[in-house]
Protein backbone atom coordinates (compact mmCIF):
# COMPACT_ATOMS: atom_id res chain seq x y z
CA MET A 1 -61.17 -61.15 15.19
CA GLU A 2 -62.05 -59.23 18.16
CA GLN A 3 -61.69 -61.15 21.29
CA ALA A 4 -63.31 -61.34 24.22
CA TYR A 5 -62.40 -58.24 25.91
CA PHE A 6 -64.41 -56.00 28.68
CA HIS A 7 -66.49 -53.45 27.13
CA ILE A 8 -67.75 -50.82 29.65
CA GLU A 9 -71.20 -50.56 27.74
CA SER A 10 -71.81 -54.30 29.28
CA LEU A 11 -72.44 -52.12 32.51
CA SER A 12 -75.38 -50.79 31.13
CA PRO A 13 -77.77 -49.22 32.65
CA LEU A 14 -75.09 -48.61 35.43
CA TYR A 15 -72.42 -47.05 32.97
CA GLU A 16 -74.65 -44.19 31.96
CA ALA A 17 -75.91 -43.32 35.22
CA VAL A 18 -72.52 -42.87 36.58
CA GLN A 19 -71.42 -40.78 33.63
CA THR A 20 -74.88 -38.79 33.40
CA ALA A 21 -73.98 -38.10 37.25
CA SER A 22 -70.59 -36.72 36.46
CA ILE A 23 -69.87 -37.94 40.03
CA PHE A 24 -65.93 -37.74 38.83
CA PRO A 25 -64.53 -34.41 37.56
CA ASP A 26 -62.76 -36.67 34.65
CA SER A 27 -65.41 -38.49 32.14
CA LYS A 28 -62.44 -40.84 31.12
CA TYR A 29 -62.32 -41.62 35.05
CA PHE A 30 -64.68 -44.40 35.04
CA THR A 31 -64.22 -46.02 31.58
CA ASP A 32 -60.62 -47.05 33.07
CA CYS A 33 -61.58 -48.35 36.27
CA VAL A 34 -61.69 -52.01 36.77
CA PRO A 35 -64.46 -54.28 38.07
CA LYS A 36 -63.93 -56.31 40.54
CA ARG A 37 -66.26 -58.77 39.57
CA ARG A 38 -68.44 -60.09 36.47
CA ALA A 39 -70.65 -57.32 34.92
CA GLY A 40 -73.65 -59.51 35.73
CA GLU A 41 -73.05 -59.85 39.29
CA ILE A 42 -72.16 -55.79 39.32
CA LEU A 43 -75.18 -55.25 37.52
CA ALA A 44 -76.91 -57.07 40.02
CA ALA A 45 -75.67 -55.57 43.26
CA TYR A 46 -76.65 -52.61 41.50
CA GLU A 47 -80.41 -53.11 40.64
CA THR A 48 -80.76 -53.85 44.43
CA ALA A 49 -78.64 -51.34 46.19
CA GLN A 50 -80.18 -48.64 44.10
CA LYS A 51 -83.82 -49.13 45.41
CA GLN A 52 -81.99 -48.76 49.35
CA PRO A 53 -82.19 -45.57 51.40
CA GLY A 54 -79.46 -43.11 51.51
CA PHE A 55 -78.01 -45.02 48.03
CA ASP A 56 -74.96 -43.18 46.97
CA LEU A 57 -73.45 -44.16 43.55
CA LYS A 58 -69.84 -42.89 44.28
CA THR A 59 -69.45 -45.23 46.93
CA PHE A 60 -71.02 -47.94 45.01
CA VAL A 61 -68.56 -47.53 42.31
CA GLU A 62 -65.96 -47.28 44.61
CA THR A 63 -67.07 -51.02 46.28
CA TYR A 64 -67.20 -52.58 43.01
CA PHE A 65 -64.24 -51.19 41.15
CA GLU A 66 -60.62 -50.47 41.36
CA PRO A 67 -59.89 -46.61 40.53
CA PRO A 68 -57.50 -46.36 37.59
CA LYS A 69 -53.74 -46.07 38.65
CA ASN A 70 -50.97 -43.29 37.51
CA PRO A 71 -47.44 -44.73 38.72
CA ASP A 72 -45.99 -43.18 41.59
CA THR A 73 -42.58 -42.98 40.42
CA GLY A 74 -41.21 -40.23 42.91
CA TYR A 75 -39.47 -38.63 39.81
CA SER A 76 -38.83 -34.83 39.94
CA PRO A 77 -36.96 -32.32 37.48
CA ASP A 78 -35.38 -30.79 40.04
CA ASN A 79 -32.01 -29.27 38.92
CA LYS A 80 -32.23 -31.00 35.64
CA SER A 81 -31.48 -29.27 32.47
CA ILE A 82 -34.66 -29.69 30.09
CA GLY A 83 -32.52 -32.58 27.89
CA GLU A 84 -31.52 -34.24 30.89
CA HIS A 85 -35.55 -34.12 31.74
CA LEU A 86 -36.97 -35.20 28.71
CA ASN A 87 -34.35 -38.38 28.19
CA ALA A 88 -34.71 -39.31 32.20
CA LEU A 89 -38.62 -39.54 31.50
CA TRP A 90 -38.51 -41.98 29.14
CA ASP A 91 -38.09 -44.54 31.75
CA VAL A 92 -40.87 -42.56 33.97
CA LEU A 93 -43.62 -42.76 30.78
CA THR A 94 -42.96 -46.34 30.13
CA ARG A 95 -45.51 -48.96 30.92
CA LYS A 96 -44.92 -52.67 31.22
CA PRO A 97 -47.17 -55.28 29.73
CA ASP A 98 -50.35 -54.81 31.74
CA THR A 99 -52.89 -57.49 32.07
CA ARG A 100 -54.75 -55.83 34.97
CA GLY A 101 -57.84 -56.01 33.16
CA GLY A 102 -60.58 -53.86 32.51
CA THR A 103 -61.33 -51.97 29.46
CA LEU A 104 -57.60 -51.85 28.81
CA ILE A 105 -56.45 -54.41 25.80
CA PRO A 106 -53.30 -55.86 27.17
CA LEU A 107 -50.21 -55.14 24.41
CA PRO A 108 -47.06 -58.02 24.57
CA ARG A 109 -44.10 -55.49 24.99
CA PRO A 110 -43.56 -52.40 26.79
CA TYR A 111 -44.77 -49.21 25.71
CA ILE A 112 -44.98 -45.59 26.48
CA VAL A 113 -47.89 -43.59 27.54
CA PRO A 114 -48.40 -39.88 26.61
CA GLY A 115 -49.25 -38.75 30.54
CA GLY A 116 -51.39 -37.01 32.38
CA ARG A 117 -54.76 -38.96 31.95
CA PHE A 118 -53.79 -40.74 29.28
CA ARG A 119 -52.73 -44.32 30.75
CA GLU A 120 -52.49 -46.17 27.34
CA ILE A 121 -51.02 -45.82 24.10
CA TYR A 122 -51.83 -43.70 21.55
CA TYR A 123 -51.91 -44.20 17.82
CA TRP A 124 -50.39 -40.98 15.98
CA ASP A 125 -48.84 -39.38 19.54
CA SER A 126 -46.47 -42.51 19.03
CA TYR A 127 -44.87 -41.34 16.32
CA PHE A 128 -43.82 -38.66 17.55
CA THR A 129 -42.76 -39.51 20.85
CA MET A 130 -40.55 -42.05 18.88
CA LEU A 131 -38.75 -39.14 17.23
CA GLY A 132 -37.30 -38.24 20.50
CA LEU A 133 -36.73 -41.77 21.50
CA GLN A 134 -34.67 -42.00 18.01
CA VAL A 135 -32.59 -38.88 19.19
CA SER A 136 -32.40 -40.88 22.75
CA GLY A 137 -30.64 -43.62 21.10
CA ARG A 138 -33.78 -45.68 22.47
CA VAL A 139 -34.10 -47.51 19.42
CA ASP A 140 -35.29 -50.83 21.50
CA ILE A 141 -38.66 -48.85 22.77
CA ILE A 142 -39.10 -47.89 19.41
CA GLN A 143 -38.74 -51.85 18.26
CA ASN A 144 -41.53 -52.53 21.08
CA MET A 145 -43.44 -50.14 20.34
CA ALA A 146 -43.84 -50.96 16.51
CA ASP A 147 -44.08 -54.47 17.47
CA ASN A 148 -47.05 -53.48 19.83
CA PHE A 149 -49.10 -51.94 16.99
CA ALA A 150 -48.08 -55.01 14.85
CA TYR A 151 -49.63 -57.10 17.56
CA LEU A 152 -52.75 -54.88 17.19
CA ALA A 153 -52.83 -55.45 13.58
CA ASP A 154 -52.52 -58.80 13.86
CA THR A 155 -54.70 -59.24 16.41
CA LEU A 156 -57.54 -56.81 15.62
CA GLY A 157 -57.31 -56.24 12.10
CA PHE A 158 -56.47 -52.76 12.27
CA ILE A 159 -54.58 -50.24 14.77
CA PRO A 160 -57.16 -48.66 17.41
CA ASN A 161 -57.10 -44.93 18.80
CA GLY A 162 -55.72 -46.28 21.83
CA ASN A 163 -55.30 -49.77 23.54
CA ARG A 164 -58.94 -49.60 25.23
CA THR A 165 -61.82 -51.45 24.39
CA TYR A 166 -63.58 -48.23 24.08
CA TYR A 167 -61.35 -47.11 21.32
CA LEU A 168 -62.35 -50.33 19.14
CA GLY A 169 -64.35 -48.21 16.42
CA ARG A 170 -61.94 -46.06 15.17
CA SER A 171 -58.53 -45.79 14.68
CA GLN A 172 -56.36 -41.98 14.32
CA PRO A 173 -54.22 -40.65 11.41
CA PRO A 174 -52.24 -43.56 10.15
CA PHE A 175 -48.74 -42.95 10.91
CA PHE A 176 -47.80 -46.95 11.39
CA ALA A 177 -45.73 -46.45 7.82
CA ALA A 178 -43.94 -43.60 9.10
CA MET A 179 -42.76 -45.36 12.07
CA VAL A 180 -41.71 -48.45 10.16
CA SER A 181 -39.67 -45.65 8.19
CA LEU A 182 -38.23 -44.83 11.14
CA LEU A 183 -36.92 -47.87 12.52
CA ALA A 184 -35.89 -48.59 8.92
CA GLU A 185 -33.54 -45.55 9.37
CA GLU A 186 -31.84 -47.62 12.60
CA LYS A 187 -31.83 -51.20 11.11
CA GLY A 188 -31.73 -51.00 7.74
CA PRO A 189 -34.61 -51.87 4.91
CA ASP A 190 -35.22 -55.15 5.74
CA ILE A 191 -37.61 -53.86 8.32
CA TRP A 192 -39.72 -52.83 5.29
CA ARG A 193 -40.50 -56.61 4.84
CA GLN A 194 -41.00 -57.60 8.10
CA TYR A 195 -43.42 -55.11 8.79
CA ARG A 196 -45.59 -55.54 5.24
CA PRO A 197 -48.23 -58.00 6.26
CA GLN A 198 -48.70 -55.58 8.99
CA LEU A 199 -48.85 -52.30 6.90
CA GLU A 200 -51.24 -54.33 4.73
CA LYS A 201 -53.72 -54.99 7.09
CA GLU A 202 -53.63 -50.86 7.65
CA TYR A 203 -54.26 -50.33 4.52
CA HIS A 204 -57.39 -52.80 4.00
CA PHE A 205 -58.68 -51.18 6.85
CA TRP A 206 -58.76 -47.93 5.37
CA MET A 207 -59.63 -49.02 1.95
CA ARG A 208 -62.63 -51.57 3.05
CA GLY A 209 -65.51 -50.77 1.22
CA GLU A 210 -63.79 -49.44 -2.22
CA GLN A 211 -65.53 -52.10 -4.44
CA GLN A 212 -69.06 -50.77 -3.07
CA VAL A 213 -68.68 -47.35 -3.66
CA SER A 214 -69.92 -46.07 -7.05
CA THR A 215 -71.72 -43.11 -8.63
CA GLU A 216 -75.18 -43.53 -6.89
CA HIS A 217 -73.56 -44.40 -3.68
CA PRO A 218 -69.95 -42.94 -3.12
CA ALA A 219 -69.57 -42.94 0.03
CA HIS A 220 -68.74 -46.49 2.49
CA ARG A 221 -67.22 -46.14 5.58
CA ARG A 222 -63.77 -44.40 5.00
CA VAL A 223 -64.16 -44.59 1.45
CA LEU A 224 -65.15 -42.12 -0.99
CA ARG A 225 -65.79 -42.20 -4.75
CA MET A 226 -64.90 -38.44 -5.94
CA PRO A 227 -66.96 -36.86 -8.88
CA GLY A 228 -64.31 -37.62 -11.15
CA GLY A 229 -64.11 -41.40 -9.90
CA GLU A 230 -61.31 -41.20 -7.98
CA ILE A 231 -60.96 -42.81 -4.50
CA LEU A 232 -60.29 -40.59 -1.61
CA ASN A 233 -60.77 -41.19 2.15
CA ARG A 234 -62.20 -40.07 4.98
CA TYR A 235 -62.30 -40.23 9.05
CA TRP A 236 -65.06 -42.46 10.35
CA ASP A 237 -66.05 -44.69 13.32
CA ASP A 238 -68.19 -47.96 13.40
CA ASN A 239 -70.29 -46.60 15.97
CA ASP A 240 -72.87 -43.98 16.40
CA THR A 241 -73.65 -43.39 20.16
CA PRO A 242 -71.91 -41.29 22.61
CA ARG A 243 -68.28 -42.04 23.34
CA PRO A 244 -67.92 -44.06 26.31
CA GLU A 245 -65.34 -42.13 28.04
CA ALA A 246 -67.15 -38.76 26.94
CA PHE A 247 -70.35 -39.60 27.40
CA ILE A 248 -72.33 -36.90 28.99
CA GLU A 249 -70.49 -34.19 26.95
CA ASP A 250 -71.52 -36.03 23.87
CA VAL A 251 -75.62 -35.96 24.82
CA HIS A 252 -74.87 -32.48 25.42
CA THR A 253 -73.45 -31.72 21.83
CA ALA A 254 -76.40 -33.85 20.10
CA ARG A 255 -79.23 -31.93 22.37
CA GLN A 256 -77.75 -28.74 20.70
CA SER A 257 -77.39 -30.04 17.12
CA GLU A 258 -80.21 -30.35 14.39
CA ASN A 259 -79.21 -33.61 13.14
CA PRO A 260 -80.50 -36.59 14.71
CA PRO A 261 -78.28 -37.86 17.56
CA ALA A 262 -76.89 -40.92 15.90
CA VAL A 263 -75.61 -38.56 13.17
CA THR A 264 -74.14 -35.77 15.42
CA TYR A 265 -72.54 -38.90 17.68
CA ARG A 266 -70.80 -40.72 13.97
CA HIS A 267 -69.29 -37.08 13.44
CA ILE A 268 -67.92 -36.83 16.88
CA ARG A 269 -66.59 -39.78 16.95
CA ALA A 270 -64.77 -39.55 13.05
CA ALA A 271 -63.01 -36.17 14.74
CA ALA A 272 -61.85 -38.26 17.63
CA GLU A 273 -60.13 -40.38 14.91
CA SER A 274 -58.74 -37.40 13.34
CA GLY A 275 -56.98 -36.91 16.69
CA TRP A 276 -58.00 -33.20 15.97
CA ASP A 277 -60.85 -33.47 18.93
CA PHE A 278 -61.98 -30.92 18.50
CA SER A 279 -61.96 -28.13 15.92
CA SER A 280 -63.77 -25.78 13.69
CA ARG A 281 -62.20 -27.61 11.40
CA TRP A 282 -65.24 -29.98 11.38
CA PHE A 283 -67.76 -27.34 12.13
CA ALA A 284 -70.08 -26.26 9.27
CA ASP A 285 -70.31 -22.63 10.38
CA GLY A 286 -66.60 -22.69 11.67
CA GLN A 287 -67.63 -21.78 15.39
CA ASN A 288 -69.93 -24.38 16.99
CA MET A 289 -69.82 -27.78 18.47
CA ALA A 290 -73.09 -28.91 17.45
CA THR A 291 -72.75 -28.19 13.52
CA ILE A 292 -70.18 -30.58 13.30
CA GLN A 293 -69.59 -32.86 9.83
CA THR A 294 -66.61 -34.46 10.34
CA THR A 295 -67.46 -37.31 7.64
CA ASP A 296 -68.63 -34.84 5.15
CA LEU A 297 -65.04 -33.64 4.69
CA ILE A 298 -62.44 -34.91 2.90
CA PRO A 299 -59.22 -34.38 5.01
CA VAL A 300 -56.23 -33.75 3.40
CA ASP A 301 -53.85 -34.91 6.10
CA LEU A 302 -55.40 -38.14 6.22
CA ASN A 303 -54.76 -38.50 2.19
CA CYS A 304 -51.58 -37.57 2.59
CA LEU A 305 -50.62 -40.25 5.45
CA LEU A 306 -52.45 -42.80 2.88
CA TYR A 307 -50.50 -41.89 0.00
CA PHE A 308 -46.85 -42.36 1.92
CA LEU A 309 -48.57 -46.05 3.19
CA GLU A 310 -48.94 -46.82 -0.79
CA ILE A 311 -45.73 -45.67 -1.22
CA SER A 312 -44.10 -47.51 1.65
CA LEU A 313 -46.07 -50.97 0.39
CA SER A 314 -44.46 -50.58 -2.97
CA GLU A 315 -41.28 -50.19 -1.42
CA ALA A 316 -41.76 -53.23 1.11
CA TYR A 317 -42.92 -55.49 -2.00
CA GLU A 318 -39.92 -54.24 -4.46
CA LEU A 319 -37.56 -55.60 -1.72
CA SER A 320 -39.02 -58.58 -1.50
CA GLY A 321 -38.71 -59.02 -5.48
CA ASP A 322 -42.36 -58.55 -5.96
CA THR A 323 -42.70 -55.70 -8.97
CA ALA A 324 -46.25 -57.09 -9.60
CA TRP A 325 -47.58 -55.73 -6.15
CA ALA A 326 -44.79 -52.66 -6.15
CA GLY A 327 -46.51 -51.66 -9.18
CA TYR A 328 -50.09 -51.96 -7.97
CA TYR A 329 -49.10 -49.87 -5.04
CA HIS A 330 -46.97 -47.24 -6.71
CA HIS A 331 -49.97 -46.75 -9.10
CA LYS A 332 -52.45 -46.26 -6.33
CA ALA A 333 -50.04 -44.09 -4.62
CA GLN A 334 -49.85 -41.73 -8.21
CA GLN A 335 -53.56 -41.71 -8.42
CA ARG A 336 -54.17 -40.24 -4.70
CA ARG A 337 -51.22 -37.87 -5.26
CA LEU A 338 -52.92 -36.22 -8.30
CA ALA A 339 -56.56 -36.49 -6.22
CA ILE A 340 -54.83 -34.94 -3.62
CA LEU A 341 -53.73 -32.02 -5.74
CA LYS A 342 -57.32 -31.88 -7.28
CA TYR A 343 -59.36 -31.51 -4.78
CA GLY A 344 -57.02 -30.23 -2.01
CA TRP A 345 -55.65 -27.70 -3.52
CA ASN A 346 -57.25 -24.23 -2.99
CA GLU A 347 -55.49 -21.51 -5.58
CA ALA A 348 -57.59 -18.46 -3.92
CA ALA A 349 -56.04 -19.30 -0.62
CA GLY A 350 -52.72 -20.44 -1.67
CA PHE A 351 -53.23 -23.05 0.50
CA PHE A 352 -54.23 -26.88 0.94
CA SER A 353 -57.34 -27.33 2.43
CA ASP A 354 -60.07 -30.28 3.14
CA TYR A 355 -62.72 -30.95 0.39
CA HIS A 356 -66.69 -31.10 1.39
CA HIS A 357 -67.59 -33.89 -0.59
CA THR A 358 -71.72 -33.78 -0.16
CA GLY A 359 -71.44 -30.13 -0.96
CA GLN A 360 -68.42 -30.84 -3.49
CA LYS A 361 -66.52 -27.77 -3.05
CA GLN A 362 -63.59 -26.95 -0.75
CA SER A 363 -63.25 -26.36 2.97
CA GLU A 364 -63.12 -22.80 3.54
CA GLN A 365 -61.07 -23.56 6.86
CA LEU A 366 -57.04 -22.69 6.76
CA THR A 367 -55.58 -25.35 8.88
CA LEU A 368 -52.19 -26.78 9.51
CA ALA A 369 -53.62 -30.02 7.66
CA GLY A 370 -52.39 -27.95 4.77
CA VAL A 371 -48.73 -28.62 5.30
CA PHE A 372 -49.36 -32.27 4.80
CA PRO A 373 -48.60 -32.15 1.02
CA LEU A 374 -45.67 -30.35 1.73
CA PHE A 375 -44.25 -33.16 4.53
CA PHE A 376 -44.75 -36.08 1.99
CA ASN A 377 -43.50 -34.36 -1.09
CA ILE A 378 -46.98 -34.08 -2.77
CA ALA A 379 -46.92 -30.38 -3.34
CA ALA A 380 -45.77 -28.70 -6.77
CA ALA A 381 -42.57 -26.02 -6.02
CA GLU A 382 -44.98 -23.23 -6.89
CA GLN A 383 -47.79 -24.22 -4.60
CA ALA A 384 -45.03 -25.46 -1.72
CA ARG A 385 -44.14 -21.30 -2.03
CA LYS A 386 -47.38 -20.30 -1.47
CA VAL A 387 -48.10 -22.56 1.75
CA ALA A 388 -44.63 -21.23 3.18
CA GLU A 389 -45.91 -17.84 2.60
CA THR A 390 -49.21 -18.58 3.91
CA VAL A 391 -47.84 -20.27 7.23
CA GLU A 392 -45.64 -17.26 7.91
CA ARG A 393 -48.22 -14.45 7.11
CA LYS A 394 -50.95 -16.51 9.08
CA PHE A 395 -50.29 -19.08 11.48
CA LEU A 396 -46.68 -18.01 12.45
CA PHE A 397 -46.81 -16.22 16.48
CA PRO A 398 -43.86 -15.46 18.88
CA GLY A 399 -44.71 -19.05 20.56
CA GLY A 400 -45.10 -21.16 17.04
CA LEU A 401 -47.51 -22.27 14.68
CA ALA A 402 -51.30 -21.76 15.78
CA THR A 403 -53.21 -24.77 14.62
CA THR A 404 -56.23 -22.69 13.28
CA LEU A 405 -56.87 -19.63 12.58
CA HIS A 406 -60.51 -19.39 14.78
CA ARG A 407 -61.02 -18.76 18.18
CA THR A 408 -63.66 -20.90 19.41
CA GLY A 409 -62.39 -22.52 22.65
CA GLN A 410 -61.76 -26.01 21.29
CA GLN A 411 -58.40 -27.11 22.02
CA TRP A 412 -57.57 -27.44 18.07
CA ASP A 413 -58.21 -24.10 17.18
CA ALA A 414 -56.19 -20.76 17.62
CA PRO A 415 -54.41 -19.95 20.10
CA ASN A 416 -53.33 -23.07 20.89
CA GLY A 417 -50.57 -24.78 19.26
CA TRP A 418 -49.77 -28.90 19.12
CA ALA A 419 -46.17 -30.11 18.91
CA PRO A 420 -46.77 -32.92 16.16
CA LEU A 421 -48.03 -29.73 13.82
CA GLN A 422 -44.89 -28.14 14.40
CA TRP A 423 -42.61 -30.58 13.23
CA ILE A 424 -45.03 -31.22 10.31
CA ALA A 425 -44.70 -27.76 8.99
CA TYR A 426 -41.04 -27.18 9.85
CA LYS A 427 -40.02 -30.36 7.86
CA GLY A 428 -42.48 -29.91 5.29
CA ILE A 429 -41.64 -26.38 4.41
CA LYS A 430 -37.70 -27.28 4.94
CA ASN A 431 -38.29 -30.21 2.26
CA TYR A 432 -38.92 -27.71 -0.27
CA GLY A 433 -36.01 -25.08 0.53
CA PHE A 434 -37.69 -22.81 2.70
CA HIS A 435 -34.61 -23.12 5.33
CA GLU A 436 -35.20 -19.58 6.98
CA LEU A 437 -38.97 -20.15 7.70
CA ALA A 438 -38.41 -23.69 9.18
CA ALA A 439 -35.42 -22.07 11.38
CA LYS A 440 -37.74 -19.11 12.83
CA VAL A 441 -40.84 -22.09 13.37
CA ARG A 442 -38.26 -24.45 15.10
CA ARG A 443 -36.65 -21.46 17.04
CA ALA A 444 -40.37 -20.01 18.36
CA TRP A 445 -41.31 -23.50 19.28
CA MET A 446 -38.36 -24.16 21.12
CA GLN A 447 -38.29 -20.92 23.05
CA HIS A 448 -41.46 -21.23 24.38
CA CYS A 449 -41.40 -24.78 25.63
CA GLU A 450 -38.05 -23.75 27.44
CA LYS A 451 -40.28 -20.57 28.83
CA VAL A 452 -43.03 -23.24 30.07
CA TYR A 453 -40.57 -25.44 31.44
CA ALA A 454 -38.19 -22.96 33.13
CA GLU A 455 -41.86 -21.67 35.00
CA THR A 456 -43.18 -25.09 35.90
CA GLY A 457 -41.14 -27.61 35.44
CA LYS A 458 -43.17 -29.33 33.10
CA MET A 459 -43.82 -29.96 29.12
CA MET A 460 -47.39 -29.49 28.33
CA GLU A 461 -49.70 -31.08 25.98
CA LYS A 462 -50.22 -28.10 24.21
CA TYR A 463 -49.25 -24.62 24.31
CA ASN A 464 -50.94 -21.02 23.68
CA VAL A 465 -48.72 -19.61 20.83
CA MET A 466 -50.18 -16.44 20.87
CA GLU A 467 -50.27 -15.31 24.46
CA LEU A 468 -47.16 -16.56 25.77
CA ASN A 469 -48.21 -15.64 29.40
CA LEU A 470 -51.55 -17.68 29.15
CA PRO A 471 -52.09 -21.10 29.22
CA ALA A 472 -53.32 -23.53 26.19
CA GLY A 473 -56.65 -24.31 27.32
CA GLY A 474 -60.00 -25.66 25.54
CA GLY A 475 -61.25 -28.81 24.96
CA GLU A 476 -62.71 -31.59 27.31
CA TYR A 477 -60.28 -32.13 29.94
CA PRO A 478 -57.55 -29.70 31.52
CA ASN A 479 -54.35 -29.01 29.71
CA GLN A 480 -52.01 -32.29 30.47
CA ASP A 481 -48.50 -32.19 31.27
CA GLY A 482 -46.11 -35.01 30.75
CA PHE A 483 -45.63 -35.17 27.81
CA GLY A 484 -44.61 -38.00 25.22
CA TRP A 485 -45.35 -35.98 21.69
CA THR A 486 -43.98 -32.82 23.30
CA ASN A 487 -40.95 -34.26 24.13
CA GLY A 488 -40.10 -35.87 21.17
CA VAL A 489 -40.42 -33.06 18.90
CA TYR A 490 -38.44 -30.87 21.47
CA LEU A 491 -35.45 -33.54 21.30
CA LYS A 492 -35.80 -33.92 17.48
CA PHE A 493 -35.77 -30.28 17.37
CA ILE A 494 -33.10 -29.96 19.05
CA SER A 495 -31.00 -32.60 16.61
CA GLU A 496 -32.24 -30.30 14.00
CA GLN A 497 -29.04 -27.65 15.18
C-alpha cells in the first residue's frame, strides 16, 4: 500500500507551468526540489503572485522551494590510479537514509547513487554497482542496498524505477533476484530464504493480470498471452501522462506522434521502465521517437530476467523444504524458457530479438538485448555460437560493444556503449565457451574507460565505442560522470583477469 508521499503533480497547475517554461536547464531539477510549505499554500500563493506585475516564475520557485542538493565532498581523483579512484568513490556516492522530503522516498539504510543528476537509487543500475562493491569487499553496502529494495517491495508491493514518487507507476528490469544471488555468494544459501517473500512480491507484481488474459483479451498490464497460449511479459507503466521529470520532452513527442497522446505517453513510460530510454529498439520506423511502440513488444531481456526470478523462487522454496512450490516455479521457468526460444530466436539473423505481439512477428531490430539468453543459459549451444558470431561481426568496435546498429541520436543507440550490456554480453558469451571473444569485449571496454579516465579523471555513464575521440551523446540530458554501474563493471572486469 502506497504511503502518503508527496507527489509533484499535486502542485498542478504550477508544476506544468514550471516544466513548460523550461526555466531550469534540466527538467528533473524542479521535480527534485523540496517544497517549503504545503502544496495548497504554495498554490494559493502562486495564484495571487502570478497576477502581479513583473511576476517572475523562477524567483517564485526559488522562494517556495529548496533546490536539490549534490553533496560537496571535496573529493578529487588527482594522482589516483583508476582502481584507487573507484574504491574511494564508493564513499563519495553513498547516501545516508534521507528524510528531507519532497518527491524522495526515504529508505532505511545507506545506498549508492549513480552520480551526476541522479540523486537517488536506480533499480537495475544497482545490480551492476554491486558487482564492483563485491570486488571492493564492500559486502556491507551490498547488504544495505538489498535491504532497501526488500523494504520497497514490502512497502509498495514492487520495486520502483527509483526512490522518487514520480517513479511509482513503473519498475525497471527486475534484477533483484540477481542481487540476492550475488549476496548469497558472499553470505551463503540461507540468503535465498531470507529474501524469498520480497522475491515473491516482485514476481506477483510482474505477473499481475495473468488470470485475466485470454485469446480475446491477450494483454493486461505487463502480462501477455501469446498465440500458442504461453504467458510472457512486456514493459508497462500504470500512468498514461507525461513523465513529471521530462514533462516538456514528452509533450513535444506526443505532438509529433500520430497516436493519441495517452498512448504515446504510455509507450514512453514503458520504455523508461525498460531502462533503455530511449532507443530505436522501441520505434516502429527504427528512427523516430514519435513512432514509439514499446508496449507492443515482448522484450527478450525482460523475459530472461523473469525466467531467472522463477528459477530463484524455485531454489528458495527448495531450500525451505517446500517441494510443491519449488516444483511450481520450476515448471513456470521451463515454460518461459521454451517460449523465449520459440518467440525470441531469429534464425535468419542468428540472434535473439524482441517479438511484436500485435503484429505477431519478430522485431527486425538487432540489439544487445539479444545476449540475455546467453547470460542466463537459456540458449542452445548452436544458437549461442551464432549469437557470438553476430556480436563480433556487427556489435564489437574499438571501444566495446555498441548498443544497437542504428544511429538515431538516442542515447541507447549506436555509437554508444553502456557498462551493463558489456558485462551481460561478456558473461553470456563466456558461459558458452567463447573465451577469446569475451576477452576482446572486456579488453576493448576497459581500455576505452582507461583512456577517458586518463583524459578527464572521470568515469562516464556511457561511452562512444565507435569514435574513441568523441564523447557519447544523445538523450534528454548531457553525459553524466560518476558513475555507479560503470565503476562496478570496470572493477568486476579487473577481477576477471
